């Protein structure tokens, strides 16, 4: 079993640089995501932006994945292939991005609401983002993985939503997926103790209905079993004393979205 790779302060700054490039890439997506654009067009934009900024898309050819972004509309939970799907009014579009820069990885995801969405969709997106915020509050020295997991599960289920169990967050930095796994469900006080030098990708995947999911025969795409919508938000986070250091940011994305309303 591979060990946890504890990062130095210098390594964390390199991961921050990669994570901020992910955030900038998602902000570029935010500028153009609207009804009528295909998901493959978003993927092409992201590929060019990442390469223009001296980095490599982390997902491209990872385990055979053919694209730079995972784009998952509506009932797709994660790992959707960008293709000729035309985004339409009322869609929820999860966009997950990773980059490698200076040999370090950054990873973040954001769920975009396209135009006017339903009350259920609005609540799902809001609660999923809150789940991430509550999880990050627990991502400090002395807490445990179970404290992060419980924070997500408690808030999601309190709002009547399903928490995906088959997919988890993870350590990140030297590789895209490192130890430890970071589930979105669990018991407070359980799991490994969080220590300085850990860098985690925390990523609640929350379903409007059942927690159950289906894995497609393409080996990647995951959808909700009841075909209700799912939302996904992810930050790369360094464990610190007192308060977590969030290395990615949604502010760049949200600044763009404010301008386009």
C-alpha atoms as a PDB file:
ATOM      1  CA  UNK A   1       0.000   0.000   0.000  1.00  0.00           C
ATOM      2  CA  UNK A   2       1.441   3.368  -0.983  1.00  0.00           C
ATOM      3  CA  UNK A   3       2.220   5.848   1.765  1.00  0.00           C
ATOM      4  CA  UNK A   4       0.982   9.390   2.207  1.00  0.00           C
ATOM      5  CA  UNK A   5       3.329  11.915   0.621  1.00  0.00           C
ATOM      6  CA  UNK A   6       3.763  14.828   3.016  1.00  0.00           C
ATOM      7  CA  UNK A   7       4.602  18.052   1.172  1.00  0.00           C
ATOM      8  CA  UNK A   8       7.119  20.725   2.114  1.00  0.00           C
ATOM      9  CA  UNK A   9       6.123  24.399   2.105  1.00  0.00           C
ATOM     10  CA  UNK A  10       7.910  24.745  -1.253  1.00  0.00           C
ATOM     11  CA  UNK A  11       5.937  21.848  -2.719  1.00  0.00           C
ATOM     12  CA  UNK A  12       2.662  23.311  -1.451  1.00  0.00           C
ATOM     13  CA  UNK A  13       3.442  26.569  -3.275  1.00  0.00           C
ATOM     14  CA  UNK A  14       3.997  24.624  -6.503  1.00  0.00           C
ATOM     15  CA  UNK A  15       0.686  22.799  -5.983  1.00  0.00           C
ATOM     16  CA  UNK A  16      -0.939  26.186  -5.349  1.00  0.00           C
ATOM     17  CA  UNK A  17       0.394  27.441  -8.691  1.00  0.00           C
ATOM     18  CA  UNK A  18      -1.098  24.407 -10.472  1.00  0.00           C
ATOM     19  CA  UNK A  19      -4.376  24.705  -8.565  1.00  0.00           C
ATOM     20  CA  UNK A  20      -4.741  28.380  -9.429  1.00  0.00           C
ATOM     21  CA  UNK A  21      -4.188  27.554 -13.087  1.00  0.00           C
ATOM     22  CA  UNK A  22      -7.045  25.053 -12.789  1.00  0.00           C
ATOM     23  CA  UNK A  23      -9.193  27.830 -11.310  1.00  0.00           C
ATOM     24  CA  UNK A  24      -8.221  30.189 -14.137  1.00  0.00           C
ATOM     25  CA  UNK A  25      -9.094  27.482 -16.678  1.00  0.00           C
ATOM     26  CA  UNK A  26     -12.522  27.009 -15.119  1.00  0.00           C
ATOM     27  CA  UNK A  27     -12.974  30.794 -15.231  1.00  0.00           C
ATOM     28  CA  UNK A  28     -12.244  30.664 -18.980  1.00  0.00           C
ATOM     29  CA  UNK A  29     -14.923  27.986 -19.287  1.00  0.00           C
ATOM     30  CA  UNK A  30     -17.290  30.238 -17.306  1.00  0.00           C
ATOM     31  CA  UNK A  31     -16.853  32.981 -19.932  1.00  0.00           C
ATOM     32  CA  UNK A  32     -18.317  30.850 -22.726  1.00  0.00           C
ATOM     33  CA  UNK A  33     -20.525  28.190 -21.121  1.00  0.00           C
ATOM     34  CA  UNK A  34     -24.081  28.898 -22.260  1.00  0.00           C
ATOM     35  CA  UNK A  35     -26.907  27.324 -24.261  1.00  0.00           C
ATOM     36  CA  UNK A  36     -25.779  26.321 -27.746  1.00  0.00           C
ATOM     37  CA  UNK A  37     -22.124  25.497 -27.036  1.00  0.00           C
ATOM     38  CA  UNK A  38     -20.929  21.885 -27.173  1.00  0.00           C
ATOM     39  CA  UNK A  39     -18.999  20.282 -24.343  1.00  0.00           C
ATOM     40  CA  UNK A  40     -16.174  19.360 -26.757  1.00  0.00           C
ATOM     41  CA  UNK A  41     -15.759  23.083 -27.563  1.00  0.00           C
ATOM     42  CA  UNK A  42     -15.219  23.747 -23.846  1.00  0.00           C
ATOM     43  CA  UNK A  43     -12.660  20.942 -23.748  1.00  0.00           C
ATOM     44  CA  UNK A  44     -10.727  22.403 -26.679  1.00  0.00           C
ATOM     45  CA  UNK A  45     -10.686  25.838 -25.051  1.00  0.00           C
ATOM     46  CA  UNK A  46      -9.364  24.352 -21.791  1.00  0.00           C
ATOM     47  CA  UNK A  47      -6.656  22.348 -23.562  1.00  0.00           C
ATOM     48  CA  UNK A  48      -5.349  25.426 -25.381  1.00  0.00           C
ATOM     49  CA  UNK A  49      -5.500  27.640 -22.270  1.00  0.00           C
ATOM     50  CA  UNK A  50      -3.612  25.126 -20.130  1.00  0.00           C
ATOM     51  CA  UNK A  51      -0.917  24.617 -22.779  1.00  0.00           C
ATOM     52  CA  UNK A  52      -0.599  28.383 -23.348  1.00  0.00           C
ATOM     53  CA  UNK A  53       0.142  28.710 -19.634  1.00  0.00           C
ATOM     54  CA  UNK A  54       3.046  26.276 -19.685  1.00  0.00           C
ATOM     55  CA  UNK A  55       1.212  23.312 -18.227  1.00  0.00           C
ATOM     56  CA  UNK A  56      -0.240  19.966 -19.308  1.00  0.00           C
ATOM     57  CA  UNK A  57      -3.872  18.817 -18.852  1.00  0.00           C
ATOM     58  CA  UNK A  58      -3.669  16.214 -16.086  1.00  0.00           C
ATOM     59  CA  UNK A  59      -6.678  14.209 -17.250  1.00  0.00           C
ATOM     60  CA  UNK A  60      -5.657  13.873 -20.905  1.00  0.00           C
ATOM     61  CA  UNK A  61      -4.636  10.229 -21.490  1.00  0.00           C
ATOM     62  CA  UNK A  62      -4.834   9.514 -17.737  1.00  0.00           C
ATOM     63  CA  UNK A  63      -5.746   5.829 -17.663  1.00  0.00           C
ATOM     64  CA  UNK A  64      -6.871   6.226 -21.249  1.00  0.00           C
ATOM     65  CA  UNK A  65      -9.208   9.203 -20.650  1.00  0.00           C
ATOM     66  CA  UNK A  66      -9.338  11.026 -24.007  1.00  0.00           C
ATOM     67  CA  UNK A  67      -9.983  14.633 -22.922  1.00  0.00           C
ATOM     68  CA  UNK A  68      -8.651  17.555 -20.885  1.00  0.00           C
ATOM     69  CA  UNK A  69     -11.866  18.108 -18.897  1.00  0.00           C
ATOM     70  CA  UNK A  70     -14.447  15.813 -17.347  1.00  0.00           C
ATOM     71  CA  UNK A  71     -17.800  17.388 -18.253  1.00  0.00           C
ATOM     72  CA  UNK A  72     -20.860  15.797 -16.682  1.00  0.00           C
ATOM     73  CA  UNK A  73     -24.327  17.189 -17.496  1.00  0.00           C
ATOM     74  CA  UNK A  74     -27.359  16.742 -15.252  1.00  0.00           C
ATOM     75  CA  UNK A  75     -27.665  13.090 -14.116  1.00  0.00           C
ATOM     76  CA  UNK A  76     -23.991  12.416 -14.892  1.00  0.00           C
ATOM     77  CA  UNK A  77     -22.103  12.478 -11.589  1.00  0.00           C
ATOM     78  CA  UNK A  78     -18.487  12.603 -12.786  1.00  0.00           C
ATOM     79  CA  UNK A  79     -16.059  11.531 -15.536  1.00  0.00           C
ATOM     80  CA  UNK A  80     -18.300  12.493 -18.439  1.00  0.00           C
ATOM     81  CA  UNK A  81     -16.670  12.666 -21.868  1.00  0.00           C
ATOM     82  CA  UNK A  82     -16.757  16.032 -23.650  1.00  0.00           C
ATOM     83  CA  UNK A  83     -18.546  15.387 -26.951  1.00  0.00           C
ATOM     84  CA  UNK A  84     -21.088  16.943 -29.300  1.00  0.00           C
ATOM     85  CA  UNK A  85     -23.665  17.385 -26.504  1.00  0.00           C
ATOM     86  CA  UNK A  86     -25.174  20.855 -26.925  1.00  0.00           C
ATOM     87  CA  UNK A  87     -25.628  22.632 -23.587  1.00  0.00           C
ATOM     88  CA  UNK A  88     -29.169  23.868 -23.055  1.00  0.00           C
ATOM     89  CA  UNK A  89     -31.111  26.159 -20.736  1.00  0.00           C
ATOM     90  CA  UNK A  90     -31.774  24.503 -17.379  1.00  0.00           C
ATOM     91  CA  UNK A  91     -28.746  22.172 -17.460  1.00  0.00           C
ATOM     92  CA  UNK A  92     -26.427  21.548 -14.536  1.00  0.00           C
ATOM     93  CA  UNK A  93     -22.925  21.046 -15.940  1.00  0.00           C
ATOM     94  CA  UNK A  94     -20.156  19.723 -13.679  1.00  0.00           C
ATOM     95  CA  UNK A  95     -16.720  20.625 -15.043  1.00  0.00           C
ATOM     96  CA  UNK A  96     -13.713  18.920 -13.435  1.00  0.00           C
ATOM     97  CA  UNK A  97     -10.195  20.055 -14.381  1.00  0.00           C
ATOM     98  CA  UNK A  98      -6.657  19.072 -13.464  1.00  0.00           C
ATOM     99  CA  UNK A  99      -3.263  20.332 -14.581  1.00  0.00           C
ATOM    100  CA  UNK A 100       0.385  19.401 -14.202  1.00  0.00           C
ATOM    101  CA  UNK A 101       2.787  22.314 -13.908  1.00  0.00           C
ATOM    102  CA  UNK A 102       6.398  22.054 -12.706  1.00  0.00           C
ATOM    103  CA  UNK A 103       5.672  18.357 -12.037  1.00  0.00           C
ATOM    104  CA  UNK A 104       2.898  19.118  -9.508  1.00  0.00           C
ATOM    105  CA  UNK A 105      -0.832  18.567  -9.849  1.00  0.00           C
ATOM    106  CA  UNK A 106      -3.814  20.777  -9.118  1.00  0.00           C
ATOM    107  CA  UNK A 107      -7.444  19.577  -9.220  1.00  0.00           C
ATOM    108  CA  UNK A 108     -10.774  21.398  -8.869  1.00  0.00           C
ATOM    109  CA  UNK A 109     -14.372  21.121 -10.056  1.00  0.00           C
ATOM    110  CA  UNK A 110     -17.355  23.447 -10.331  1.00  0.00           C
ATOM    111  CA  UNK A 111     -20.991  22.828 -11.227  1.00  0.00           C
ATOM    112  CA  UNK A 112     -22.441  25.483 -13.534  1.00  0.00           C
ATOM    113  CA  UNK A 113     -26.163  26.289 -13.593  1.00  0.00           C
ATOM    114  CA  UNK A 114     -27.178  27.181 -17.142  1.00  0.00           C
ATOM    115  CA  UNK A 115     -29.827  29.877 -17.300  1.00  0.00           C
ATOM    116  CA  UNK A 116     -32.963  29.347 -15.240  1.00  0.00           C
ATOM    117  CA  UNK A 117     -32.881  26.118 -13.238  1.00  0.00           C
ATOM    118  CA  UNK A 118     -35.519  24.500 -11.005  1.00  0.00           C
ATOM    119  CA  UNK A 119     -35.821  25.098  -7.251  1.00  0.00           C
ATOM    120  CA  UNK A 120     -34.536  21.546  -6.665  1.00  0.00           C
ATOM    121  CA  UNK A 121     -31.479  22.149  -8.867  1.00  0.00           C
ATOM    122  CA  UNK A 122     -30.739  25.459  -7.129  1.00  0.00           C
ATOM    123  CA  UNK A 123     -30.942  23.823  -3.721  1.00  0.00           C
ATOM    124  CA  UNK A 124     -28.747  20.906  -4.842  1.00  0.00           C
ATOM    125  CA  UNK A 125     -25.996  23.209  -6.136  1.00  0.00           C
ATOM    126  CA  UNK A 126     -26.132  25.411  -3.029  1.00  0.00           C
ATOM    127  CA  UNK A 127     -26.060  22.488  -0.591  1.00  0.00           C
ATOM    128  CA  UNK A 128     -23.218  20.718  -2.457  1.00  0.00           C
ATOM    129  CA  UNK A 129     -21.080  23.859  -2.326  1.00  0.00           C
ATOM    130  CA  UNK A 130     -21.928  24.212   1.378  1.00  0.00           C
ATOM    131  CA  UNK A 131     -20.903  20.564   1.905  1.00  0.00           C
ATOM    132  CA  UNK A 132     -17.476  21.429   0.502  1.00  0.00           C
ATOM    133  CA  UNK A 133     -17.189  24.482   2.768  1.00  0.00           C
ATOM    134  CA  UNK A 134     -18.142  22.468   5.880  1.00  0.00           C
ATOM    135  CA  UNK A 135     -15.672  19.731   4.903  1.00  0.00           C
ATOM    136  CA  UNK A 136     -12.856  22.283   4.501  1.00  0.00           C
ATOM    137  CA  UNK A 137     -13.598  23.617   8.006  1.00  0.00           C
ATOM    138  CA  UNK A 138     -12.649  20.155   9.308  1.00  0.00           C
ATOM    139  CA  UNK A 139      -9.492  19.887   7.162  1.00  0.00           C
ATOM    140  CA  UNK A 140      -7.120  20.999   9.918  1.00  0.00           C
ATOM    141  CA  UNK A 141      -4.328  19.422  11.947  1.00  0.00           C
ATOM    142  CA  UNK A 142      -5.660  17.081  14.635  1.00  0.00           C
ATOM    143  CA  UNK A 143      -8.968  16.248  12.941  1.00  0.00           C
ATOM    144  CA  UNK A 144      -9.499  12.981  11.067  1.00  0.00           C
ATOM    145  CA  UNK A 145     -10.612  11.957   7.588  1.00  0.00           C
ATOM    146  CA  UNK A 146     -13.906  10.839   9.127  1.00  0.00           C
ATOM    147  CA  UNK A 147     -14.563  14.385  10.349  1.00  0.00           C
ATOM    148  CA  UNK A 148     -14.351  15.689   6.763  1.00  0.00           C
ATOM    149  CA  UNK A 149     -16.509  12.815   5.518  1.00  0.00           C
ATOM    150  CA  UNK A 150     -19.150  13.259   8.231  1.00  0.00           C
ATOM    151  CA  UNK A 151     -19.414  17.003   7.575  1.00  0.00           C
ATOM    152  CA  UNK A 152     -20.371  16.318   3.943  1.00  0.00           C
ATOM    153  CA  UNK A 153     -22.736  13.462   4.715  1.00  0.00           C
ATOM    154  CA  UNK A 154     -24.562  15.213   7.548  1.00  0.00           C
ATOM    155  CA  UNK A 155     -25.269  18.392   5.584  1.00  0.00           C
ATOM    156  CA  UNK A 156     -26.285  16.604   2.377  1.00  0.00           C
ATOM    157  CA  UNK A 157     -28.568  14.076   4.040  1.00  0.00           C
ATOM    158  CA  UNK A 158     -30.079  16.740   6.334  1.00  0.00           C
ATOM    159  CA  UNK A 159     -31.270  18.396   3.137  1.00  0.00           C
ATOM    160  CA  UNK A 160     -32.712  15.184   1.715  1.00  0.00           C
ATOM    161  CA  UNK A 161     -29.954  14.477  -0.802  1.00  0.00           C
ATOM    162  CA  UNK A 162     -27.980  11.313  -1.580  1.00  0.00           C
ATOM    163  CA  UNK A 163     -24.220  11.056  -0.981  1.00  0.00           C
ATOM    164  CA  UNK A 164     -22.279   9.064  -3.584  1.00  0.00           C
ATOM    165  CA  UNK A 165     -20.263   6.332  -1.864  1.00  0.00           C
ATOM    166  CA  UNK A 166     -18.447   4.648  -4.743  1.00  0.00           C
ATOM    167  CA  UNK A 167     -16.334   7.714  -5.580  1.00  0.00           C
ATOM    168  CA  UNK A 168     -14.071   9.637  -3.213  1.00  0.00           C
ATOM    169  CA  UNK A 169     -11.697  12.557  -2.881  1.00  0.00           C
ATOM    170  CA  UNK A 170      -7.990  11.874  -2.582  1.00  0.00           C
ATOM    171  CA  UNK A 171      -4.518  13.097  -1.816  1.00  0.00           C
ATOM    172  CA  UNK A 172      -3.010  15.150  -4.638  1.00  0.00           C
ATOM    173  CA  UNK A 173       0.293  16.797  -5.545  1.00  0.00           C
ATOM    174  CA  UNK A 174       3.074  14.586  -6.861  1.00  0.00           C
ATOM    175  CA  UNK A 175       0.434  12.398  -8.526  1.00  0.00           C
ATOM    176  CA  UNK A 176      -3.152  13.126  -9.500  1.00  0.00           C
ATOM    177  CA  UNK A 177      -4.467  10.478  -7.092  1.00  0.00           C
ATOM    178  CA  UNK A 178      -2.516   9.812  -3.906  1.00  0.00           C
ATOM    179  CA  UNK A 179      -3.277   8.414  -0.470  1.00  0.00           C
ATOM    180  CA  UNK A 180      -5.375   8.994   1.549  1.00  0.00           C
ATOM    181  CA  UNK A 181      -8.840   8.499   0.112  1.00  0.00           C
ATOM    182  CA  UNK A 182     -11.331  11.151   1.276  1.00  0.00           C
ATOM    183  CA  UNK A 183     -14.877   9.727   1.341  1.00  0.00           C
ATOM    184  CA  UNK A 184     -17.962  11.944   1.532  1.00  0.00           C
ATOM    185  CA  UNK A 185     -19.569   9.792   4.214  1.00  0.00           C
ATOM    186  CA  UNK A 186     -18.297   8.462   7.517  1.00  0.00           C
ATOM    187  CA  UNK A 187     -18.100   8.771  11.284  1.00  0.00           C
ATOM    188  CA  UNK A 188     -16.623  11.671  13.204  1.00  0.00           C
ATOM    189  CA  UNK A 189     -13.323  10.792  14.840  1.00  0.00           C
ATOM    190  CA  UNK A 190     -12.637   7.867  12.478  1.00  0.00           C
ATOM    191  CA  UNK A 191      -9.880   7.366   9.916  1.00  0.00           C
ATOM    192  CA  UNK A 192      -6.347   8.695   9.783  1.00  0.00           C
ATOM    193  CA  UNK A 193      -5.372  11.832  11.666  1.00  0.00           C
ATOM    194  CA  UNK A 194      -4.783  14.936   9.559  1.00  0.00           C
ATOM    195  CA  UNK A 195      -1.263  16.332   9.698  1.00  0.00           C
ATOM    196  CA  UNK A 196       0.571  19.315   8.291  1.00  0.00           C
ATOM    197  CA  UNK A 197       1.977  18.554   4.838  1.00  0.00           C
ATOM    198  CA  UNK A 198      -1.054  16.624   3.643  1.00  0.00           C
ATOM    199  CA  UNK A 199      -2.715  18.022   0.515  1.00  0.00           C
ATOM    200  CA  UNK A 200      -6.206  16.736  -0.256  1.00  0.00           C
ATOM    201  CA  UNK A 201      -8.670  17.051  -3.116  1.00  0.00           C
ATOM    202  CA  UNK A 202     -11.981  17.291  -1.271  1.00  0.00           C
ATOM    203  CA  UNK A 203     -14.905  16.746  -3.634  1.00  0.00           C
ATOM    204  CA  UNK A 204     -18.499  16.219  -2.532  1.00  0.00           C
ATOM    205  CA  UNK A 205     -20.603  14.451  -5.188  1.00  0.00           C
ATOM    206  CA  UNK A 206     -24.227  14.878  -4.154  1.00  0.00           C
ATOM    207  CA  UNK A 207     -27.355  13.529  -5.852  1.00  0.00           C
ATOM    208  CA  UNK A 208     -30.810  15.111  -5.815  1.00  0.00           C
ATOM    209  CA  UNK A 209     -32.373  11.681  -5.238  1.00  0.00           C
ATOM    210  CA  UNK A 210     -30.859   8.310  -4.476  1.00  0.00           C
ATOM    211  CA  UNK A 211     -27.204   7.903  -3.540  1.00  0.00           C
ATOM    212  CA  UNK A 212     -26.992   4.938  -5.925  1.00  0.00           C
ATOM    213  CA  UNK A 213     -25.086   5.316  -9.188  1.00  0.00           C
ATOM    214  CA  UNK A 214     -24.559   3.422 -12.467  1.00  0.00           C
ATOM    215  CA  UNK A 215     -21.167   2.880 -14.100  1.00  0.00           C
ATOM    216  CA  UNK A 216     -21.293   2.995 -17.885  1.00  0.00           C
ATOM    217  CA  UNK A 217     -19.652   0.410 -20.112  1.00  0.00           C
ATOM    218  CA  UNK A 218     -17.260   3.123 -21.421  1.00  0.00           C
ATOM    219  CA  UNK A 219     -15.343   2.607 -18.158  1.00  0.00           C
ATOM    220  CA  UNK A 220     -15.664   6.251 -17.113  1.00  0.00           C
ATOM    221  CA  UNK A 221     -19.107   7.841 -17.106  1.00  0.00           C
ATOM    222  CA  UNK A 222     -21.059   7.596 -13.847  1.00  0.00           C
ATOM    223  CA  UNK A 223     -24.760   8.557 -13.632  1.00  0.00           C
ATOM    224  CA  UNK A 224     -27.363   8.613 -10.883  1.00  0.00           C
ATOM    225  CA  UNK A 225     -29.433   5.435 -10.762  1.00  0.00           C
ATOM    226  CA  UNK A 226     -32.733   7.371 -10.751  1.00  0.00           C
ATOM    227  CA  UNK A 227     -31.561   9.836 -13.448  1.00  0.00           C
ATOM    228  CA  UNK A 228     -32.064  12.793 -11.113  1.00  0.00           C
ATOM    229  CA  UNK A 229     -29.422  15.546 -11.249  1.00  0.00           C
ATOM    230  CA  UNK A 230     -26.103  15.459  -9.416  1.00  0.00           C
ATOM    231  CA  UNK A 231     -23.726  18.262  -8.395  1.00  0.00           C
ATOM    232  CA  UNK A 232     -19.970  18.225  -7.794  1.00  0.00           C
ATOM    233  CA  UNK A 233     -17.610  20.800  -6.290  1.00  0.00           C
ATOM    234  CA  UNK A 234     -13.910  20.245  -5.543  1.00  0.00           C
ATOM    235  CA  UNK A 235     -11.012  22.153  -4.032  1.00  0.00           C
ATOM    236  CA  UNK A 236      -7.355  21.263  -3.526  1.00  0.00           C
ATOM    237  CA  UNK A 237      -6.606  21.941   0.147  1.00  0.00           C
ATOM    238  CA  UNK A 238      -3.429  21.918   2.261  1.00  0.00           C
ATOM    239  CA  UNK A 239      -3.871  20.799   5.877  1.00  0.00           C
ATOM    240  CA  UNK A 240      -2.754  23.468   8.365  1.00  0.00           C
ATOM    241  CA  UNK A 241      -3.209  24.230  12.054  1.00  0.00           C
ATOM    242  CA  UNK A 242      -6.347  26.182  12.849  1.00  0.00           C
ATOM    243  CA  UNK A 243      -7.583  26.734   9.300  1.00  0.00           C
ATOM    244  CA  UNK A 244      -7.105  24.887   6.009  1.00  0.00           C
ATOM    245  CA  UNK A 245      -5.177  26.536   3.175  1.00  0.00           C
ATOM    246  CA  UNK A 246      -7.404  26.325   0.097  1.00  0.00           C
ATOM    247  CA  UNK A 247      -5.067  26.240  -2.910  1.00  0.00           C
ATOM    248  CA  UNK A 248      -7.728  26.508  -5.642  1.00  0.00           C
ATOM    249  CA  UNK A 249     -10.400  29.210  -5.754  1.00  0.00           C
ATOM    250  CA  UNK A 250     -13.943  29.687  -7.038  1.00  0.00           C
ATOM    251  CA  UNK A 251     -13.725  33.491  -6.865  1.00  0.00           C
ATOM    252  CA  UNK A 252     -12.330  33.771 -10.415  1.00  0.00           C
ATOM    253  CA  UNK A 253     -15.241  31.715 -11.758  1.00  0.00           C
ATOM    254  CA  UNK A 254     -17.839  33.592  -9.750  1.00  0.00           C
ATOM    255  CA  UNK A 255     -16.478  36.982 -10.818  1.00  0.00           C
ATOM    256  CA  UNK A 256     -17.029  35.931 -14.448  1.00  0.00           C
ATOM    257  CA  UNK A 257     -20.520  34.599 -13.724  1.00  0.00           C
ATOM    258  CA  UNK A 258     -21.537  37.874 -12.036  1.00  0.00           C
ATOM    259  CA  UNK A 259     -20.550  39.786 -15.157  1.00  0.00           C
ATOM    260  CA  UNK A 260     -22.554  37.508 -17.451  1.00  0.00           C
ATOM    261  CA  UNK A 261     -25.826  37.670 -15.484  1.00  0.00           C
END
